[in-house]
Amino acid sequence: MKRCLVIVSAVALVLCAAPLFAQQKATIQNVPEISYTSVPNLLKVPAGETLGEAVGIATNSKGHIFVFFRSNNTRLWEFDKNGNFVKEIGKGYYGFEFAHSVRVDAQDNIWTVDEGTNTVTKFSPEGKFLMVLGRRPPAVLGAVASPAGPNAPAQKYIFCRPTDVGWDPQGNIFVSDGYCNNRVVKFDKNGRFVAQMGSEKAGKEPGQFNLPHGLQVDGQGNVWVADRTNIRYQVLDNDLKPKKIYDNLGVGWTVCVSAGPHQYVFASNSNPNGNTPGSWEITGEIYKMELDGTVIGKFGHASKEFGGFQVVHMMDCRNPNEILVGEIESWRVQKLILQQPATTKTSSAR
């Protein structure tokens, strides 16, 4: 029996040489602009401290803000809803080396994804260690940034530069894995392997990935994947079978699904690391969508100035009208207050 796949695109994209992937212009047309303001001086960092690359951003049910960032060491800070510093979590933790993302689950547990140690870690709301998925490469093997030569076959419980984590309503765990395994992995709530889609080999067919850089799961159990180097977003069902492809929103940099009860999806066509020539004019915006793919509007632009974005690596959208963005190259976190779109929704990613 042939599996039915809905491919959603206005214009087919041509995959060119690898250096061009990071500056792809979105091809969707007539998207309303959403106006917004950015809250100044959001985070009050400890005296004598500064943020590094703010690659991970998340909130809990109390509105507390968690920032996972790269500084002299990888660090995880917690702030209250007013931006006052609360505490550092996991200082000196063996699973912290090169931060990539942080998420908070429905029970307010805090999960970190560390690309450098190949681990996904679960902390309690109080910051106590609860679970680890993956394994840090032993020091006796030496420092290896990425595999030399072809990637080794993907293993059930070993990651290769993982990027993000999410959960379905039943508590199953989903991991995007990542820079060199090019797959999405499903575990049960106890961390036991269930299934995977993709493999150590990059591909561009439905259900294949080329750097799955971000992942979230909606209330229906569908898995949204930011398939970055393939310049698209893919949606998988709960068994990791491909359902839809959105390839007209630019580079699939990161994705966020709001808490609901009415859920929205936010997809970022971020300006690339290094700001390649011409990239500021065609990237930097974030799209707001319904779960069915209808695009409600877009907001943001590439800029080093406050109010613009300098490489949005991750978003928090628990409140779909208050978006937190973590930026790499400006070393900052911004809180964006969204207004209603300028016009009624007229565009669709389908």
Protein backbone atom coordinates (compact mmCIF):
# COMPACT_ATOMS: atom_id res chain seq x y z
CA MET A 1 0.00 0.00 0.00
CA LYS A 2 1.38 3.41 -0.92
CA ARG A 3 1.59 5.96 1.88
CA CYS A 4 -0.06 9.28 1.07
CA LEU A 5 2.03 12.40 1.63
CA VAL A 6 0.86 15.98 1.29
CA ILE A 7 3.62 18.21 -0.06
CA VAL A 8 2.94 21.86 0.60
CA SER A 9 4.68 24.38 -1.61
CA ALA A 10 3.98 27.40 -3.75
CA VAL A 11 7.20 27.19 -5.71
CA ALA A 12 9.55 24.23 -5.90
CA LEU A 13 12.95 25.04 -4.45
CA VAL A 14 16.20 24.21 -6.15
CA LEU A 15 18.76 22.79 -3.74
CA CYS A 16 22.00 24.42 -4.75
CA ALA A 17 25.48 24.20 -3.34
CA ALA A 18 25.67 23.80 0.42
CA PRO A 19 26.88 27.36 1.22
CA LEU A 20 23.66 28.81 -0.19
CA PHE A 21 21.28 26.96 2.09
CA ALA A 22 21.61 29.46 4.90
CA GLN A 23 20.26 32.43 2.93
CA GLN A 24 17.17 31.03 1.21
CA LYS A 25 14.33 33.48 0.64
CA ALA A 26 10.85 32.26 1.55
CA THR A 27 8.66 31.86 -1.53
CA ILE A 28 5.26 32.26 0.12
CA GLN A 29 3.44 35.40 -1.02
CA ASN A 30 1.07 38.01 0.47
CA VAL A 31 1.76 37.28 4.12
CA PRO A 32 0.37 39.95 6.50
CA GLU A 33 2.86 41.73 8.73
CA ILE A 34 2.43 41.37 12.48
CA SER A 35 3.63 44.42 14.37
CA TYR A 36 5.46 43.90 17.65
CA THR A 37 7.45 45.61 20.36
CA SER A 38 10.47 44.27 22.20
CA VAL A 39 10.67 44.56 26.00
CA PRO A 40 13.86 46.45 26.97
CA ASN A 41 16.23 45.17 29.68
CA LEU A 42 14.35 41.89 30.05
CA LEU A 43 16.93 39.84 31.99
CA LYS A 44 18.84 41.02 35.06
CA VAL A 45 21.97 38.89 34.95
CA PRO A 46 24.12 38.44 38.07
CA ALA A 47 26.64 41.17 38.83
CA GLY A 48 29.86 40.72 36.90
CA GLU A 49 28.29 38.16 34.54
CA THR A 50 27.25 38.33 30.89
CA LEU A 51 25.30 36.06 28.57
CA GLY A 52 27.12 34.27 25.79
CA GLU A 53 25.43 32.77 22.76
CA ALA A 54 21.79 32.40 23.88
CA VAL A 55 21.05 29.24 21.91
CA GLY A 56 18.29 27.87 24.17
CA ILE A 57 15.24 29.63 25.62
CA ALA A 58 12.18 28.23 27.43
CA THR A 59 9.56 29.12 30.05
CA ASN A 60 7.67 27.10 32.65
CA SER A 61 4.07 27.35 33.84
CA LYS A 62 5.01 30.12 36.32
CA GLY A 63 6.53 32.23 33.59
CA HIS A 64 10.09 31.58 34.74
CA ILE A 65 12.62 31.91 31.93
CA PHE A 66 15.41 29.40 31.29
CA VAL A 67 18.40 30.38 29.17
CA PHE A 68 20.87 27.74 27.98
CA PHE A 69 23.92 29.53 26.64
CA ARG A 70 27.50 29.14 25.51
CA SER A 71 30.01 31.21 27.45
CA ASN A 72 33.38 30.25 28.89
CA ASN A 73 31.39 27.14 29.84
CA THR A 74 27.94 25.96 28.83
CA ARG A 75 25.52 27.26 31.47
CA LEU A 76 21.82 27.11 32.33
CA TRP A 77 20.29 30.09 34.14
CA GLU A 78 16.79 30.50 35.55
CA PHE A 79 15.03 33.88 35.85
CA ASP A 80 11.62 34.70 37.27
CA LYS A 81 8.82 36.11 35.10
CA ASN A 82 10.10 39.65 35.71
CA GLY A 83 13.59 38.75 34.55
CA ASN A 84 15.21 38.61 37.98
CA PHE A 85 17.94 36.00 38.33
CA VAL A 86 16.87 32.95 40.40
CA LYS A 87 19.65 30.38 40.14
CA GLU A 88 22.08 28.46 37.97
CA ILE A 89 21.17 24.84 37.22
CA GLY A 90 23.70 22.09 36.57
CA LYS A 91 26.87 24.05 37.25
CA GLY A 92 29.80 21.76 36.44
CA TYR A 93 27.45 19.07 35.10
CA TYR A 94 29.18 16.39 33.00
CA GLY A 95 26.48 16.67 30.31
CA PHE A 96 27.20 20.35 29.60
CA GLU A 97 29.79 21.25 26.99
CA PHE A 98 28.20 22.90 23.94
CA ALA A 99 24.59 23.99 24.52
CA HIS A 100 21.98 23.64 21.79
CA SER A 101 18.46 23.83 23.25
CA VAL A 102 16.38 23.85 26.42
CA ARG A 103 12.69 22.90 26.77
CA VAL A 104 10.23 22.61 29.66
CA ASP A 105 7.65 19.80 29.67
CA ALA A 106 4.05 19.78 30.94
CA GLN A 107 5.22 18.91 34.48
CA ASP A 108 7.71 21.81 34.48
CA ASN A 109 10.70 19.48 34.20
CA ILE A 110 13.63 21.15 32.43
CA TRP A 111 15.31 19.35 29.53
CA THR A 112 18.63 20.32 27.96
CA VAL A 113 20.07 19.17 24.65
CA ASP A 114 23.86 19.41 24.51
CA GLU A 115 25.43 19.04 21.10
CA GLY A 116 28.93 18.71 22.53
CA THR A 117 28.26 15.79 24.89
CA ASN A 118 25.62 14.08 22.71
CA THR A 119 23.20 14.04 25.64
CA VAL A 120 19.63 15.02 26.47
CA THR A 121 19.13 15.62 30.20
CA LYS A 122 15.98 15.89 32.30
CA PHE A 123 16.05 18.04 35.45
CA SER A 124 13.24 18.41 37.99
CA PRO A 125 11.56 21.82 38.40
CA GLU A 126 13.95 22.36 41.32
CA GLY A 127 16.97 21.57 39.15
CA LYS A 128 17.71 18.02 40.33
CA PHE A 129 19.07 15.56 37.78
CA LEU A 130 16.44 12.94 36.78
CA MET A 131 17.35 11.27 33.46
CA VAL A 132 19.93 11.28 30.70
CA LEU A 133 19.55 10.04 27.13
CA GLY A 134 22.67 9.43 25.08
CA ARG A 135 26.25 9.27 26.27
CA ARG A 136 29.10 11.72 26.36
CA PRO A 137 32.05 10.48 24.27
CA PRO A 138 34.72 9.17 26.68
CA ALA A 139 37.70 11.48 27.12
CA VAL A 140 40.09 8.68 26.14
CA LEU A 141 38.74 8.95 22.59
CA GLY A 142 39.96 12.55 22.34
CA ALA A 143 38.07 15.64 21.24
CA VAL A 144 36.11 15.01 18.06
CA ALA A 145 33.86 17.83 16.79
CA SER A 146 32.23 15.64 14.16
CA PRO A 147 32.88 12.23 12.64
CA ALA A 148 35.70 11.89 10.14
CA GLY A 149 34.55 10.24 6.93
CA PRO A 150 31.13 8.61 6.60
CA ASN A 151 28.90 8.66 9.66
CA ALA A 152 28.69 5.46 11.65
CA PRO A 153 25.31 3.68 11.57
CA ALA A 154 22.84 5.39 13.90
CA GLN A 155 22.35 3.56 17.20
CA LYS A 156 19.26 3.45 19.39
CA TYR A 157 20.73 5.17 22.43
CA ILE A 158 23.74 7.06 21.05
CA PHE A 159 23.29 10.52 19.54
CA CYS A 160 25.51 12.43 17.15
CA ARG A 161 25.24 16.16 17.83
CA PRO A 162 21.53 16.24 18.80
CA THR A 163 19.59 19.48 18.49
CA ASP A 164 16.16 19.47 20.18
CA VAL A 165 13.61 17.56 22.27
CA GLY A 166 9.80 17.44 22.58
CA TRP A 167 6.97 15.32 24.02
CA ASP A 168 3.52 14.16 22.96
CA PRO A 169 0.48 14.25 25.30
CA GLN A 170 1.31 10.70 26.48
CA GLY A 171 4.80 11.72 27.59
CA ASN A 172 6.72 9.99 24.80
CA ILE A 173 10.04 11.71 24.11
CA PHE A 174 11.14 12.86 20.64
CA VAL A 175 14.71 13.93 19.82
CA SER A 176 16.08 15.52 16.65
CA ASP A 177 19.50 13.98 16.11
CA GLY A 178 20.96 16.18 14.49
CA TYR A 179 24.09 17.41 12.77
CA CYS A 180 25.41 14.00 11.75
CA ASN A 181 22.68 11.41 12.32
CA ASN A 182 19.94 13.20 10.32
CA ARG A 183 17.07 11.48 12.10
CA VAL A 184 14.22 11.89 14.56
CA VAL A 185 14.06 9.35 17.41
CA LYS A 186 11.06 8.40 19.57
CA PHE A 187 11.46 7.05 23.11
CA ASP A 188 8.76 6.15 25.61
CA LYS A 189 8.39 8.21 28.79
CA ASN A 190 10.94 5.99 30.54
CA GLY A 191 13.55 6.56 27.86
CA ARG A 192 13.19 3.25 26.03
CA PHE A 193 13.73 3.37 22.24
CA VAL A 194 10.53 3.07 20.20
CA ALA A 195 11.25 4.14 16.61
CA GLN A 196 13.24 6.43 14.35
CA MET A 197 12.79 8.18 11.01
CA GLY A 198 15.83 9.12 8.95
CA SER A 199 19.32 7.73 9.36
CA GLU A 200 22.97 8.68 9.53
CA LYS A 201 22.74 9.49 5.81
CA ALA A 202 21.35 12.87 4.82
CA GLY A 203 18.51 12.81 2.28
CA LYS A 204 15.86 15.05 0.77
CA GLU A 205 13.00 12.59 0.23
CA PRO A 206 9.95 12.70 2.54
CA GLY A 207 10.98 11.27 5.91
CA GLN A 208 14.65 11.99 5.25
CA PHE A 209 16.54 14.90 6.78
CA ASN A 210 19.60 17.03 6.26
CA LEU A 211 20.34 18.61 9.64
CA PRO A 212 17.08 18.43 11.61
CA HIS A 213 17.82 21.55 13.65
CA GLY A 214 14.65 21.97 15.72
CA LEU A 215 11.65 19.89 16.79
CA GLN A 216 8.34 20.23 18.63
CA VAL A 217 5.20 18.10 19.05
CA ASP A 218 1.65 19.47 18.84
CA GLY A 219 -1.36 18.43 20.90
CA GLN A 220 -2.40 15.91 18.25
CA GLY A 221 0.93 14.13 18.58
CA ASN A 222 2.32 15.34 15.27
CA VAL A 223 6.06 16.06 15.19
CA TRP A 224 7.19 19.32 13.55
CA VAL A 225 10.81 19.27 12.39
CA ALA A 226 12.92 22.19 11.19
CA ASP A 227 14.83 20.41 8.39
CA ARG A 228 17.43 23.13 7.99
CA THR A 229 19.75 22.20 5.16
CA ASN A 230 16.80 20.86 3.13
CA ILE A 231 15.28 24.37 3.43
CA ARG A 232 11.93 23.15 4.71
CA TYR A 233 9.76 22.07 7.62
CA GLN A 234 8.50 18.49 7.82
CA VAL A 235 5.55 17.17 9.82
CA LEU A 236 5.58 13.53 10.96
CA ASP A 237 2.75 11.60 12.58
CA ASN A 238 3.16 10.12 16.05
CA ASP A 239 4.72 6.96 14.58
CA LEU A 240 7.23 9.17 12.71
CA LYS A 241 5.67 8.58 9.29
CA PRO A 242 5.86 11.66 7.00
CA LYS A 243 2.64 13.68 6.66
CA LYS A 244 3.39 17.13 5.23
CA ILE A 245 6.23 19.22 3.92
CA TYR A 246 6.32 23.03 4.02
CA ASP A 247 9.09 24.15 1.71
CA ASN A 248 8.10 27.76 1.01
CA LEU A 249 8.93 29.32 4.40
CA GLY A 250 12.67 29.60 3.80
CA VAL A 251 15.29 27.83 5.91
CA GLY A 252 13.88 25.52 8.60
CA TRP A 253 15.91 26.98 11.43
CA THR A 254 13.74 26.44 14.50
CA VAL A 255 10.09 25.69 15.31
CA CYS A 256 7.83 26.35 18.28
CA VAL A 257 4.28 25.16 19.09
CA SER A 258 2.25 27.21 21.57
CA ALA A 259 0.65 25.67 24.64
CA GLY A 260 -2.97 26.00 23.59
CA PRO A 261 -5.80 25.18 23.97
CA HIS A 262 -5.70 26.76 20.50
CA GLN A 263 -2.20 25.98 19.29
CA TYR A 264 -0.12 27.97 16.84
CA VAL A 265 3.15 27.09 15.12
CA PHE A 266 6.01 29.57 14.80
CA ALA A 267 8.64 28.87 12.12
CA SER A 268 11.82 30.89 11.70
CA ASN A 269 13.62 31.74 8.47
CA SER A 270 16.58 33.05 10.45
CA ASN A 271 19.43 35.03 9.00
CA PRO A 272 22.46 32.75 8.87
CA ASN A 273 25.57 32.51 11.01
CA GLY A 274 28.21 34.82 9.61
CA ASN A 275 25.69 37.05 7.80
CA THR A 276 26.62 35.99 4.28
CA PRO A 277 26.33 38.72 1.63
CA GLY A 278 22.74 39.48 0.70
CA SER A 279 21.25 37.42 3.52
CA TRP A 280 19.83 40.32 5.52
CA GLU A 281 17.54 41.35 2.67
CA ILE A 282 15.89 37.93 2.30
CA THR A 283 15.91 36.34 5.77
CA GLY A 284 15.26 37.09 9.43
CA GLU A 285 11.46 36.79 9.67
CA ILE A 286 9.32 34.45 11.77
CA TYR A 287 6.00 33.01 10.53
CA LYS A 288 2.90 32.38 12.65
CA MET A 289 0.77 29.46 11.44
CA GLU A 290 -2.28 27.40 12.30
CA LEU A 291 -1.74 23.66 12.78
CA ASP A 292 -3.28 23.09 9.35
CA GLY A 293 -0.53 25.16 7.75
CA THR A 294 -2.46 28.39 7.23
CA VAL A 295 -0.03 31.28 7.67
CA ILE A 296 -1.54 34.05 9.79
CA GLY A 297 1.33 36.50 9.46
CA LYS A 298 5.03 37.16 9.83
CA PHE A 299 7.20 39.43 11.93
CA GLY A 300 10.81 40.45 12.43
CA HIS A 301 13.86 41.23 10.34
CA ALA A 302 17.59 40.69 10.41
CA SER A 303 19.42 43.35 12.41
CA LYS A 304 22.08 43.72 15.06
CA GLU A 305 20.01 46.47 16.67
CA PHE A 306 17.58 45.81 19.51
CA GLY A 307 14.15 44.97 18.05
CA GLY A 308 15.66 43.12 15.10
CA PHE A 309 17.13 39.62 15.12
CA GLN A 310 20.72 38.48 14.91
CA VAL A 311 20.44 34.74 14.22
CA VAL A 312 17.38 33.45 16.10
CA HIS A 313 18.46 30.01 17.27
CA MET A 314 15.40 29.16 19.38
CA MET A 315 11.99 30.50 20.39
CA ASP A 316 9.58 30.08 23.29
CA CYS A 317 5.90 30.59 22.40
CA ARG A 318 4.04 29.28 25.46
CA ASN A 319 2.01 32.48 25.19
CA PRO A 320 1.51 32.97 21.43
CA ASN A 321 1.30 36.74 21.91
CA GLU A 322 4.59 36.93 23.82
CA ILE A 323 7.50 35.32 21.99
CA LEU A 324 10.93 34.90 23.54
CA VAL A 325 13.83 34.59 21.11
CA GLY A 326 17.37 33.48 21.88
CA GLU A 327 20.01 34.89 19.54
CA ILE A 328 23.49 33.60 18.83
CA GLU A 329 25.50 36.46 17.44
CA SER A 330 24.03 39.28 19.55
CA TRP A 331 24.32 37.26 22.79
CA ARG A 332 20.86 38.25 23.97
CA VAL A 333 17.28 37.24 24.71
CA GLN A 334 14.36 39.37 23.58
CA LYS A 335 10.69 39.26 24.57
CA LEU A 336 8.40 40.26 21.72
CA ILE A 337 4.85 41.48 22.31
CA LEU A 338 2.83 40.69 19.19
CA GLN A 339 -0.10 42.73 17.95
CA GLN A 340 -2.87 41.51 15.65
CA PRO A 341 -1.87 41.05 11.98
CA ALA A 342 -2.34 44.09 9.77
CA THR A 343 -4.97 42.24 7.73
CA THR A 344 -6.99 39.07 8.07
CA LYS A 345 -5.19 35.85 7.27
CA THR A 346 -5.07 35.45 3.51
CA SER A 347 -1.97 33.35 2.99
CA SER A 348 -1.40 29.66 3.32
CA ALA A 349 1.66 27.48 3.36
CA ARG A 350 -0.33 24.88 1.50
